[in-house]
């Protein structure tokens, strides 16, 4: 699973994969801090599931205590444009 996820990280943070001591140290610290081995295990367990099942599983893990505010600003009738401004995107779609 690492071979599938590492390239995605490298696209966003190429400096982490440079052949330098500082990059190796930073990558090691971040992997422990962000629990990367556990992330790889979650990805492995979800890899064969259909998209809807993956979204349900992830939503159950992430959206445990969601508070909605400003719902009164959404019109009861007619069109509305809802925009999630999140730099990596997918988390907003799940929640």
Protein backbone atom coordinates (compact mmCIF):
# COMPACT_ATOMS: atom_id res chain seq x y z
CA UNK A 1 0.00 0.00 0.00
CA UNK A 2 2.94 2.33 0.65
CA UNK A 3 3.81 2.19 -3.07
CA UNK A 4 0.37 3.66 -3.84
CA UNK A 5 0.25 6.33 -1.15
CA UNK A 6 3.85 7.59 -1.09
CA UNK A 7 3.63 9.00 -4.66
CA UNK A 8 0.56 11.02 -3.63
CA UNK A 9 2.48 12.47 -0.70
CA UNK A 10 5.52 13.11 -2.91
CA UNK A 11 3.35 15.16 -5.30
CA UNK A 12 2.42 17.49 -2.46
CA UNK A 13 5.68 17.44 -0.48
CA UNK A 14 8.53 16.42 -2.79
CA UNK A 15 11.12 17.64 -0.29
CA UNK A 16 10.17 14.72 2.01
CA UNK A 17 11.54 12.26 -0.52
CA UNK A 18 14.83 13.97 -1.30
CA UNK A 19 17.97 11.96 -0.56
CA UNK A 20 19.03 14.20 2.31
CA UNK A 21 19.43 13.51 6.01
CA UNK A 22 16.98 16.29 6.91
CA UNK A 23 14.32 14.85 4.61
CA UNK A 24 14.75 11.35 6.01
CA UNK A 25 14.57 12.64 9.59
CA UNK A 26 11.51 14.79 8.86
CA UNK A 27 9.75 11.91 7.09
CA UNK A 28 10.44 9.58 10.02
CA UNK A 29 9.14 12.09 12.55
CA UNK A 30 6.03 12.83 10.49
CA UNK A 31 5.31 9.14 9.92
CA UNK A 32 5.34 8.51 13.67
CA UNK A 33 3.47 11.70 14.52
CA UNK A 34 0.75 11.07 11.93
CA UNK A 35 0.65 7.32 12.59
CA UNK A 36 1.46 6.47 8.99
CA UNK A 37 1.68 2.68 9.57
CA UNK A 38 -1.89 2.74 10.91
CA UNK A 39 -2.97 4.80 7.90
CA UNK A 40 -1.45 2.21 5.59
CA UNK A 41 -3.34 -0.53 7.43
CA UNK A 42 -6.65 1.33 7.08
CA UNK A 43 -5.95 1.83 3.37
CA UNK A 44 -5.14 -1.86 2.99
CA UNK A 45 -8.40 -2.93 4.66
CA UNK A 46 -10.42 -0.55 2.47
CA UNK A 47 -8.64 -1.23 -0.82
CA UNK A 48 -11.01 -3.95 -2.03
CA UNK A 49 -14.24 -2.31 -0.90
CA UNK A 50 -16.59 -0.43 -3.23
CA UNK A 51 -16.52 3.37 -3.03
CA UNK A 52 -19.80 3.70 -1.12
CA UNK A 53 -18.64 1.28 1.58
CA UNK A 54 -15.34 3.17 1.90
CA UNK A 55 -17.16 6.49 2.28
CA UNK A 56 -19.47 4.98 4.93
CA UNK A 57 -16.53 3.54 6.89
CA UNK A 58 -14.51 6.75 6.77
CA UNK A 59 -17.52 8.93 7.61
CA UNK A 60 -18.19 6.79 10.69
CA UNK A 61 -14.59 7.34 11.81
CA UNK A 62 -14.39 11.08 11.05
CA UNK A 63 -17.86 12.50 11.56
CA UNK A 64 -18.52 11.44 15.12
CA UNK A 65 -19.43 14.82 16.59
CA UNK A 66 -20.50 17.16 13.80
CA UNK A 67 -22.05 20.49 14.74
CA UNK A 68 -23.99 22.32 12.05
CA UNK A 69 -24.24 26.09 12.19
CA UNK A 70 -25.69 28.56 9.74
CA UNK A 71 -28.23 26.13 8.28
CA UNK A 72 -30.78 28.96 8.45
CA UNK A 73 -28.80 30.70 5.70
CA UNK A 74 -29.63 27.96 3.19
CA UNK A 75 -32.78 28.88 1.25
CA UNK A 76 -35.80 26.62 1.79
CA UNK A 77 -36.55 26.81 -1.93
CA UNK A 78 -34.55 27.45 -5.05
CA UNK A 79 -30.92 26.89 -5.87
CA UNK A 80 -28.03 27.15 -3.47
CA UNK A 81 -24.31 26.80 -4.00
CA UNK A 82 -22.43 25.07 -1.18
CA UNK A 83 -18.67 25.27 -1.33
CA UNK A 84 -16.19 23.37 0.81
CA UNK A 85 -12.88 25.18 0.84
CA UNK A 86 -10.40 22.51 1.88
CA UNK A 87 -6.92 22.23 0.35
CA UNK A 88 -6.92 18.45 0.08
CA UNK A 89 -10.59 18.09 -0.79
CA UNK A 90 -11.76 14.61 0.08
CA UNK A 91 -12.43 15.07 3.80
CA UNK A 92 -15.11 17.67 3.12
CA UNK A 93 -16.92 15.32 0.77
CA UNK A 94 -17.01 12.59 3.40
CA UNK A 95 -18.34 14.73 6.22
